[in-house]
Amino acid sequence: MTYRNQIIWLTGASSGIGEAVTYAFAREGAHLILSSRRKEELERVKANCPDPSKVMVVPLDVGDYKNIENKVKPVIEKLGRMDVLFNNAGISQRALAKDTKIEVYEKIMSVNFMGAVAMTLAVLPYMLRQKSGHIATVTSLTGKFGTQLRTGYAASKHALHGFFDSLRSEVWQDNINVTLICPGFVKTHISENALKGDGVPQNIMDDAIAHGLEPDYVAEKIVKGMKAGKEEIYIAGKEMMGVYLKRFFPGVFSRYIRKAKVT
């Protein structure tokens, strides 16, 4: 399988996993639509692609999810089709529940969950009409288990699994694939941008993130898994053990996660 000349829309494309996956798709010869809040960074990513003429920049804030359809619809109607949606935009958290304002939970859910749902609902009618498509969403290992300091983040990622697992059962007959991507620690700016209890970014890179997997390596695994039609893609180091402990030995996992270093 190749993504040559397929139309792919990526959110969160200005850095980290989104930027690395953009380059991976660009090397395949795809036509790309890149979105994030930062237009200047999107233009930088576009310029770094092998063929910038195949890249369109559409700045948007997925947290403003009620207006996503108004931005997405004109673009798709102009292009005539949509082959792949890659939901990647997200924000993390570094605060105990007791110290976190409700507004922080609202923001995390708006960006991580509602933003991905709104993007999906915006492209879905076109995929249903053409009887083909692929919707890929970056969640996290915390979409499978929760940890300290991430109550809101884990909740948003669990919600993504619930939504997209259900969606998969609804659209398979229309030849639409749904893939959930579950990375562990990846060397990005996610921990620096993570929200503290008062909603301010912590501006610190966690040790676990600093020693995480390289985004280019993660992107390679993602594209390979999507080509294989995998429903879930796991890319992690030793933290992958948490998935198996939670599944087969929940009591052991519960005791382990209480003391695990998660930053």
C-alpha atoms as a PDB file:
ATOM      1  CA  MET A   1       0.000   0.000   0.000  1.00  0.00           C
ATOM      2  CA  THR A   2       1.099   3.560  -0.690  1.00  0.00           C
ATOM      3  CA  TYR A   3      -0.263   6.950   0.298  1.00  0.00           C
ATOM      4  CA  ARG A   4       0.848   8.531  -2.977  1.00  0.00           C
ATOM      5  CA  ASN A   5      -1.629  11.215  -4.062  1.00  0.00           C
ATOM      6  CA  GLN A   6      -3.993  10.465  -1.196  1.00  0.00           C
ATOM      7  CA  ILE A   7      -5.415  13.482   0.622  1.00  0.00           C
ATOM      8  CA  ILE A   8      -4.497  13.438   4.314  1.00  0.00           C
ATOM      9  CA  TRP A   9      -5.564  15.969   6.952  1.00  0.00           C
ATOM     10  CA  LEU A  10      -3.379  16.123  10.073  1.00  0.00           C
ATOM     11  CA  THR A  11      -4.100  18.059  13.250  1.00  0.00           C
ATOM     12  CA  GLY A  12      -1.379  18.924  15.744  1.00  0.00           C
ATOM     13  CA  ALA A  13       0.999  18.976  12.778  1.00  0.00           C
ATOM     14  CA  SER A  14       3.284  21.793  13.933  1.00  0.00           C
ATOM     15  CA  SER A  15       5.522  19.732  16.247  1.00  0.00           C
ATOM     16  CA  GLY A  16       6.215  16.378  17.859  1.00  0.00           C
ATOM     17  CA  ILE A  17       4.476  13.269  16.577  1.00  0.00           C
ATOM     18  CA  GLY A  18       2.298  15.274  14.191  1.00  0.00           C
ATOM     19  CA  GLU A  19       5.290  16.896  12.527  1.00  0.00           C
ATOM     20  CA  ALA A  20       7.149  13.595  12.223  1.00  0.00           C
ATOM     21  CA  VAL A  21       4.115  11.817  10.732  1.00  0.00           C
ATOM     22  CA  THR A  22       3.675  14.714   8.301  1.00  0.00           C
ATOM     23  CA  TYR A  23       7.159  14.088   6.924  1.00  0.00           C
ATOM     24  CA  ALA A  24       6.505  10.346   6.737  1.00  0.00           C
ATOM     25  CA  PHE A  25       3.344  10.873   4.681  1.00  0.00           C
ATOM     26  CA  ALA A  26       5.077  13.538   2.571  1.00  0.00           C
ATOM     27  CA  ARG A  27       7.818  11.082   1.638  1.00  0.00           C
ATOM     28  CA  GLU A  28       5.074   8.769   0.386  1.00  0.00           C
ATOM     29  CA  GLY A  29       3.899  11.472  -2.030  1.00  0.00           C
ATOM     30  CA  ALA A  30       0.619  12.310  -0.287  1.00  0.00           C
ATOM     31  CA  HIS A  31      -1.282  15.587  -0.558  1.00  0.00           C
ATOM     32  CA  LEU A  32      -1.348  17.034   2.958  1.00  0.00           C
ATOM     33  CA  ILE A  33      -3.489  19.482   4.888  1.00  0.00           C
ATOM     34  CA  LEU A  34      -1.735  20.631   8.048  1.00  0.00           C
ATOM     35  CA  SER A  35      -3.542  22.146  11.013  1.00  0.00           C
ATOM     36  CA  SER A  36      -2.663  23.528  14.416  1.00  0.00           C
ATOM     37  CA  ARG A  37      -3.024  26.905  16.105  1.00  0.00           C
ATOM     38  CA  ARG A  38       0.448  28.099  15.052  1.00  0.00           C
ATOM     39  CA  LYS A  39       0.487  29.180  11.399  1.00  0.00           C
ATOM     40  CA  GLU A  40       4.186  30.087  11.417  1.00  0.00           C
ATOM     41  CA  GLU A  41       5.186  26.620  12.629  1.00  0.00           C
ATOM     42  CA  LEU A  42       2.904  24.970  10.084  1.00  0.00           C
ATOM     43  CA  GLU A  43       4.595  26.982   7.327  1.00  0.00           C
ATOM     44  CA  ARG A  44       7.973  25.796   8.629  1.00  0.00           C
ATOM     45  CA  VAL A  45       6.830  22.162   8.509  1.00  0.00           C
ATOM     46  CA  LYS A  46       5.436  22.685   5.011  1.00  0.00           C
ATOM     47  CA  ALA A  47       8.756  24.121   3.816  1.00  0.00           C
ATOM     48  CA  ASN A  48      10.585  21.070   5.182  1.00  0.00           C
ATOM     49  CA  CYS A  49       8.444  18.627   3.187  1.00  0.00           C
ATOM     50  CA  PRO A  50       9.942  17.101   0.013  1.00  0.00           C
ATOM     51  CA  ASP A  51       7.297  18.774  -2.177  1.00  0.00           C
ATOM     52  CA  PRO A  52       5.740  21.807  -0.459  1.00  0.00           C
ATOM     53  CA  SER A  53       3.394  22.273  -3.435  1.00  0.00           C
ATOM     54  CA  LYS A  54       1.515  19.230  -2.156  1.00  0.00           C
ATOM     55  CA  VAL A  55       0.995  20.768   1.277  1.00  0.00           C
ATOM     56  CA  MET A  56      -1.829  23.088   2.357  1.00  0.00           C
ATOM     57  CA  VAL A  57      -1.803  24.974   5.658  1.00  0.00           C
ATOM     58  CA  VAL A  58      -5.150  25.453   7.409  1.00  0.00           C
ATOM     59  CA  PRO A  59      -4.682  26.906  10.906  1.00  0.00           C
ATOM     60  CA  LEU A  60      -7.376  25.958  13.394  1.00  0.00           C
ATOM     61  CA  ASP A  61      -7.877  25.403  17.094  1.00  0.00           C
ATOM     62  CA  VAL A  62      -9.557  22.045  17.693  1.00  0.00           C
ATOM     63  CA  GLY A  63     -10.525  23.303  21.140  1.00  0.00           C
ATOM     64  CA  ASP A  64     -12.940  25.618  19.316  1.00  0.00           C
ATOM     65  CA  TYR A  65     -14.739  22.475  18.243  1.00  0.00           C
ATOM     66  CA  LYS A  66     -18.106  24.070  17.453  1.00  0.00           C
ATOM     67  CA  ASN A  67     -16.533  25.968  14.536  1.00  0.00           C
ATOM     68  CA  ILE A  68     -14.487  23.128  13.070  1.00  0.00           C
ATOM     69  CA  GLU A  69     -17.052  22.088  10.467  1.00  0.00           C
ATOM     70  CA  ASN A  70     -17.141  25.652   9.086  1.00  0.00           C
ATOM     71  CA  LYS A  71     -13.386  25.474   8.445  1.00  0.00           C
ATOM     72  CA  VAL A  72     -13.205  21.889   7.227  1.00  0.00           C
ATOM     73  CA  LYS A  73     -16.184  21.741   4.874  1.00  0.00           C
ATOM     74  CA  PRO A  74     -15.018  24.371   2.312  1.00  0.00           C
ATOM     75  CA  VAL A  75     -11.576  22.760   2.057  1.00  0.00           C
ATOM     76  CA  ILE A  76     -12.895  19.262   1.397  1.00  0.00           C
ATOM     77  CA  GLU A  77     -15.505  20.476  -1.067  1.00  0.00           C
ATOM     78  CA  LYS A  78     -12.761  22.264  -2.995  1.00  0.00           C
ATOM     79  CA  LEU A  79     -10.550  19.170  -3.048  1.00  0.00           C
ATOM     80  CA  GLY A  80     -13.407  16.774  -3.771  1.00  0.00           C
ATOM     81  CA  ARG A  81     -12.452  13.983  -1.386  1.00  0.00           C
ATOM     82  CA  MET A  82     -10.767  13.069   1.897  1.00  0.00           C
ATOM     83  CA  ASP A  83      -8.790   9.855   2.234  1.00  0.00           C
ATOM     84  CA  VAL A  84      -7.188  10.000   5.692  1.00  0.00           C
ATOM     85  CA  LEU A  85      -7.852  11.997   8.850  1.00  0.00           C
ATOM     86  CA  PHE A  86      -5.027  11.955  11.382  1.00  0.00           C
ATOM     87  CA  ASN A  87      -6.242  13.314  14.724  1.00  0.00           C
ATOM     88  CA  ASN A  88      -3.204  14.255  16.772  1.00  0.00           C
ATOM     89  CA  ALA A  89      -3.833  17.592  18.506  1.00  0.00           C
ATOM     90  CA  GLY A  90      -3.765  17.264  22.265  1.00  0.00           C
ATOM     91  CA  ILE A  91      -2.756  18.711  25.600  1.00  0.00           C
ATOM     92  CA  SER A  92      -1.613  16.938  28.755  1.00  0.00           C
ATOM     93  CA  GLN A  93      -1.875  17.543  32.490  1.00  0.00           C
ATOM     94  CA  ARG A  94       0.457  17.527  35.494  1.00  0.00           C
ATOM     95  CA  ALA A  95      -1.634  18.057  38.624  1.00  0.00           C
ATOM     96  CA  LEU A  96      -3.423  16.088  41.307  1.00  0.00           C
ATOM     97  CA  ALA A  97      -7.202  16.019  41.037  1.00  0.00           C
ATOM     98  CA  LYS A  98      -7.595  17.887  44.321  1.00  0.00           C
ATOM     99  CA  ASP A  99      -5.529  20.763  42.944  1.00  0.00           C
ATOM    100  CA  THR A 100      -7.153  20.989  39.500  1.00  0.00           C
ATOM    101  CA  LYS A 101      -9.786  23.561  38.592  1.00  0.00           C
ATOM    102  CA  ILE A 102     -12.842  22.355  36.684  1.00  0.00           C
ATOM    103  CA  GLU A 103     -11.952  24.745  33.853  1.00  0.00           C
ATOM    104  CA  VAL A 104      -8.750  22.767  33.272  1.00  0.00           C
ATOM    105  CA  TYR A 105     -10.749  19.566  32.827  1.00  0.00           C
ATOM    106  CA  GLU A 106     -13.050  21.382  30.401  1.00  0.00           C
ATOM    107  CA  LYS A 107     -10.096  22.568  28.311  1.00  0.00           C
ATOM    108  CA  ILE A 108      -8.467  19.133  28.204  1.00  0.00           C
ATOM    109  CA  MET A 109     -11.698  17.457  27.135  1.00  0.00           C
ATOM    110  CA  SER A 110     -12.401  20.176  24.557  1.00  0.00           C
ATOM    111  CA  VAL A 111      -9.021  19.756  22.862  1.00  0.00           C
ATOM    112  CA  ASN A 112      -8.335  16.048  23.277  1.00  0.00           C
ATOM    113  CA  PHE A 113     -11.810  14.576  22.930  1.00  0.00           C
ATOM    114  CA  MET A 114     -14.319  17.026  21.470  1.00  0.00           C
ATOM    115  CA  GLY A 115     -11.788  18.371  18.979  1.00  0.00           C
ATOM    116  CA  ALA A 116     -11.074  14.899  17.588  1.00  0.00           C
ATOM    117  CA  VAL A 117     -14.783  14.057  17.497  1.00  0.00           C
ATOM    118  CA  ALA A 118     -15.617  17.320  15.712  1.00  0.00           C
ATOM    119  CA  MET A 119     -12.886  16.762  13.093  1.00  0.00           C
ATOM    120  CA  THR A 120     -14.155  13.233  12.561  1.00  0.00           C
ATOM    121  CA  LEU A 121     -17.772  14.292  12.170  1.00  0.00           C
ATOM    122  CA  ALA A 122     -16.671  16.962   9.691  1.00  0.00           C
ATOM    123  CA  VAL A 123     -14.905  14.511   7.348  1.00  0.00           C
ATOM    124  CA  LEU A 124     -17.125  11.465   7.888  1.00  0.00           C
ATOM    125  CA  PRO A 125     -19.901  12.407   5.412  1.00  0.00           C
ATOM    126  CA  TYR A 126     -17.358  12.603   2.593  1.00  0.00           C
ATOM    127  CA  MET A 127     -15.801   9.255   3.475  1.00  0.00           C
ATOM    128  CA  LEU A 128     -19.239   7.658   3.648  1.00  0.00           C
ATOM    129  CA  ARG A 129     -20.118   9.123   0.269  1.00  0.00           C
ATOM    130  CA  GLN A 130     -16.951   7.841  -1.385  1.00  0.00           C
ATOM    131  CA  LYS A 131     -17.163   4.498   0.472  1.00  0.00           C
ATOM    132  CA  SER A 132     -13.558   4.675   1.620  1.00  0.00           C
ATOM    133  CA  GLY A 133     -11.357   6.349   4.180  1.00  0.00           C
ATOM    134  CA  HIS A 134      -9.121   5.943   7.183  1.00  0.00           C
ATOM    135  CA  ILE A 135      -9.502   7.745  10.511  1.00  0.00           C
ATOM    136  CA  ALA A 136      -6.468   7.522  12.789  1.00  0.00           C
ATOM    137  CA  THR A 137      -6.386   9.062  16.254  1.00  0.00           C
ATOM    138  CA  VAL A 138      -3.425   9.426  18.579  1.00  0.00           C
ATOM    139  CA  THR A 139      -4.460   8.529  22.111  1.00  0.00           C
ATOM    140  CA  SER A 140      -1.882   7.257  24.619  1.00  0.00           C
ATOM    141  CA  LEU A 141      -1.105   4.311  26.834  1.00  0.00           C
ATOM    142  CA  THR A 142      -3.103   6.338  29.363  1.00  0.00           C
ATOM    143  CA  GLY A 143      -6.083   5.586  27.164  1.00  0.00           C
ATOM    144  CA  LYS A 144      -5.743   2.069  28.589  1.00  0.00           C
ATOM    145  CA  PHE A 145      -4.789   2.864  32.186  1.00  0.00           C
ATOM    146  CA  GLY A 146      -4.668   5.934  34.408  1.00  0.00           C
ATOM    147  CA  THR A 147      -1.742   7.348  36.388  1.00  0.00           C
ATOM    148  CA  GLN A 148      -1.125  10.044  38.958  1.00  0.00           C
ATOM    149  CA  LEU A 149      -1.224  13.687  37.841  1.00  0.00           C
ATOM    150  CA  ARG A 150      -3.259  12.864  34.724  1.00  0.00           C
ATOM    151  CA  THR A 151      -6.889  12.392  35.790  1.00  0.00           C
ATOM    152  CA  GLY A 152      -8.200  14.694  33.066  1.00  0.00           C
ATOM    153  CA  TYR A 153      -5.721  13.577  30.429  1.00  0.00           C
ATOM    154  CA  ALA A 154      -6.418   9.891  31.068  1.00  0.00           C
ATOM    155  CA  ALA A 155     -10.167  10.543  31.031  1.00  0.00           C
ATOM    156  CA  SER A 156      -9.936  12.257  27.638  1.00  0.00           C
ATOM    157  CA  LYS A 157      -7.877   9.414  26.187  1.00  0.00           C
ATOM    158  CA  HIS A 158     -10.211   6.748  27.585  1.00  0.00           C
ATOM    159  CA  ALA A 159     -13.083   8.673  25.988  1.00  0.00           C
ATOM    160  CA  LEU A 160     -11.359   8.546  22.603  1.00  0.00           C
ATOM    161  CA  HIS A 161     -11.157   4.754  22.838  1.00  0.00           C
ATOM    162  CA  GLY A 162     -14.846   4.536  23.630  1.00  0.00           C
ATOM    163  CA  PHE A 163     -15.863   6.779  20.759  1.00  0.00           C
ATOM    164  CA  PHE A 164     -13.625   5.344  18.057  1.00  0.00           C
ATOM    165  CA  ASP A 165     -14.145   1.698  19.038  1.00  0.00           C
ATOM    166  CA  SER A 166     -17.868   2.333  18.678  1.00  0.00           C
ATOM    167  CA  LEU A 167     -17.417   4.254  15.425  1.00  0.00           C
ATOM    168  CA  ARG A 168     -15.407   1.393  13.964  1.00  0.00           C
ATOM    169  CA  SER A 169     -18.354  -0.943  14.442  1.00  0.00           C
ATOM    170  CA  GLU A 170     -20.589   1.509  12.552  1.00  0.00           C
ATOM    171  CA  VAL A 171     -18.495   2.259   9.456  1.00  0.00           C
ATOM    172  CA  TRP A 172     -16.679  -0.961   8.560  1.00  0.00           C
ATOM    173  CA  GLN A 173     -19.229  -1.800   5.880  1.00  0.00           C
ATOM    174  CA  ASP A 174     -18.420   1.500   4.192  1.00  0.00           C
ATOM    175  CA  ASN A 175     -14.745   0.521   3.847  1.00  0.00           C
ATOM    176  CA  ILE A 176     -13.636   3.053   6.454  1.00  0.00           C
ATOM    177  CA  ASN A 177     -10.795   1.977   8.746  1.00  0.00           C
ATOM    178  CA  VAL A 178     -10.438   3.304  12.281  1.00  0.00           C
ATOM    179  CA  THR A 179      -7.063   3.146  14.022  1.00  0.00           C
ATOM    180  CA  LEU A 180      -6.174   4.112  17.587  1.00  0.00           C
ATOM    181  CA  ILE A 181      -2.509   4.910  18.196  1.00  0.00           C
ATOM    182  CA  CYS A 182      -1.182   4.446  21.725  1.00  0.00           C
ATOM    183  CA  PRO A 183       2.308   5.846  22.272  1.00  0.00           C
ATOM    184  CA  GLY A 184       4.195   5.701  25.523  1.00  0.00           C
ATOM    185  CA  PHE A 185       6.840   8.298  26.367  1.00  0.00           C
ATOM    186  CA  VAL A 186       7.906  10.210  23.245  1.00  0.00           C
ATOM    187  CA  LYS A 187      10.460  13.024  23.153  1.00  0.00           C
ATOM    188  CA  THR A 188       8.143  15.959  22.395  1.00  0.00           C
ATOM    189  CA  HIS A 189       7.065  19.187  24.110  1.00  0.00           C
ATOM    190  CA  ILE A 190       3.938  17.607  25.586  1.00  0.00           C
ATOM    191  CA  SER A 191       5.122  17.725  29.192  1.00  0.00           C
ATOM    192  CA  GLU A 192       6.298  21.332  28.863  1.00  0.00           C
ATOM    193  CA  ASN A 193       2.856  22.328  27.564  1.00  0.00           C
ATOM    194  CA  ALA A 194       1.006  20.182  30.121  1.00  0.00           C
ATOM    195  CA  LEU A 195      -1.413  22.131  32.303  1.00  0.00           C
ATOM    196  CA  LYS A 196      -1.008  22.519  36.022  1.00  0.00           C
ATOM    197  CA  GLY A 197      -4.017  22.696  38.289  1.00  0.00           C
ATOM    198  CA  ASP A 198      -4.516  26.395  37.636  1.00  0.00           C
ATOM    199  CA  GLY A 199      -4.368  25.954  33.862  1.00  0.00           C
ATOM    200  CA  VAL A 200      -0.840  27.341  33.420  1.00  0.00           C
ATOM    201  CA  PRO A 201       1.665  25.212  31.423  1.00  0.00           C
ATOM    202  CA  GLN A 202       4.251  23.593  33.676  1.00  0.00           C
ATOM    203  CA  ASN A 203       7.114  24.569  31.294  1.00  0.00           C
ATOM    204  CA  ILE A 204       9.208  21.617  32.428  1.00  0.00           C
ATOM    205  CA  MET A 205      10.252  18.602  30.407  1.00  0.00           C
ATOM    206  CA  ASP A 206       9.683  15.405  32.373  1.00  0.00           C
ATOM    207  CA  ASP A 207      12.647  13.054  32.677  1.00  0.00           C
ATOM    208  CA  ALA A 208      10.557  10.262  31.179  1.00  0.00           C
ATOM    209  CA  ILE A 209       9.744  12.406  28.137  1.00  0.00           C
ATOM    210  CA  ALA A 210      13.352  13.583  27.762  1.00  0.00           C
ATOM    211  CA  HIS A 211      14.430   9.938  27.581  1.00  0.00           C
ATOM    212  CA  GLY A 212      11.467   8.856  25.462  1.00  0.00           C
ATOM    213  CA  LEU A 213      11.289   7.508  21.929  1.00  0.00           C
ATOM    214  CA  GLU A 214      12.283   9.708  19.022  1.00  0.00           C
ATOM    215  CA  PRO A 215       9.297  11.116  17.065  1.00  0.00           C
ATOM    216  CA  ASP A 216      10.711   9.939  13.715  1.00  0.00           C
ATOM    217  CA  TYR A 217      10.857   6.363  14.997  1.00  0.00           C
ATOM    218  CA  VAL A 218       7.298   6.620  16.310  1.00  0.00           C
ATOM    219  CA  ALA A 219       6.087   8.068  12.996  1.00  0.00           C
ATOM    220  CA  GLU A 220       7.637   5.185  11.072  1.00  0.00           C
ATOM    221  CA  LYS A 221       5.811   2.673  13.281  1.00  0.00           C
ATOM    222  CA  ILE A 222       2.538   4.576  12.945  1.00  0.00           C
ATOM    223  CA  VAL A 223       2.571   4.673   9.151  1.00  0.00           C
ATOM    224  CA  LYS A 224       3.592   1.017   8.970  1.00  0.00           C
ATOM    225  CA  GLY A 225       0.741   0.041  11.310  1.00  0.00           C
ATOM    226  CA  MET A 226      -1.792   2.108   9.400  1.00  0.00           C
ATOM    227  CA  LYS A 227      -0.739   0.497   6.131  1.00  0.00           C
ATOM    228  CA  ALA A 228      -1.288  -2.892   7.742  1.00  0.00           C
ATOM    229  CA  GLY A 229      -4.809  -1.839   8.730  1.00  0.00           C
ATOM    230  CA  LYS A 230      -4.213  -2.292  12.450  1.00  0.00           C
ATOM    231  CA  GLU A 231      -7.039  -1.286  14.759  1.00  0.00           C
ATOM    232  CA  GLU A 232      -4.628  -0.346  17.557  1.00  0.00           C
ATOM    233  CA  ILE A 233      -0.936   0.541  17.354  1.00  0.00           C
ATOM    234  CA  TYR A 234       1.230   0.427  20.480  1.00  0.00           C
ATOM    235  CA  ILE A 235       4.633   2.126  20.467  1.00  0.00           C
ATOM    236  CA  ALA A 236       6.373   2.232  23.819  1.00  0.00           C
ATOM    237  CA  GLY A 237       9.299   1.174  25.943  1.00  0.00           C
ATOM    238  CA  LYS A 238       9.084  -0.536  29.314  1.00  0.00           C
ATOM    239  CA  GLU A 239       5.951   1.454  30.158  1.00  0.00           C
ATOM    240  CA  MET A 240       4.123  -0.952  27.840  1.00  0.00           C
ATOM    241  CA  MET A 241       4.193  -3.357  30.767  1.00  0.00           C
ATOM    242  CA  GLY A 242       1.385  -1.317  32.315  1.00  0.00           C
ATOM    243  CA  VAL A 243      -1.060  -2.407  29.609  1.00  0.00           C
ATOM    244  CA  TYR A 244      -0.479  -6.084  30.329  1.00  0.00           C
ATOM    245  CA  LEU A 245      -0.464  -5.691  34.091  1.00  0.00           C
ATOM    246  CA  LYS A 246      -3.753  -3.788  33.971  1.00  0.00           C
ATOM    247  CA  ARG A 247      -5.336  -6.398  31.701  1.00  0.00           C
ATOM    248  CA  PHE A 248      -4.196  -9.598  33.379  1.00  0.00           C
ATOM    249  CA  PHE A 249      -3.208  -8.597  36.925  1.00  0.00           C
ATOM    250  CA  PRO A 250      -5.288  -5.530  37.845  1.00  0.00           C
ATOM    251  CA  GLY A 251      -4.529  -5.828  41.558  1.00  0.00           C
ATOM    252  CA  VAL A 252      -0.797  -5.939  40.931  1.00  0.00           C
ATOM    253  CA  PHE A 253      -1.094  -2.998  38.555  1.00  0.00           C
ATOM    254  CA  SER A 254      -3.023  -0.961  41.127  1.00  0.00           C
ATOM    255  CA  ARG A 255      -0.263  -1.414  43.685  1.00  0.00           C
ATOM    256  CA  TYR A 256       2.445  -0.750  41.093  1.00  0.00           C
ATOM    257  CA  ILE A 257       1.002   2.483  39.702  1.00  0.00           C
ATOM    258  CA  ARG A 258       0.728   4.067  43.152  1.00  0.00           C
ATOM    259  CA  LYS A 259       4.498   4.346  43.362  1.00  0.00           C
ATOM    260  CA  ALA A 260       5.473   4.422  39.683  1.00  0.00           C
ATOM    261  CA  LYS A 261       7.476   7.406  38.445  1.00  0.00           C
ATOM    262  CA  VAL A 262       5.275   8.949  35.762  1.00  0.00           C
ATOM    263  CA  THR A 263       7.181  12.172  35.073  1.00  0.00           C
END
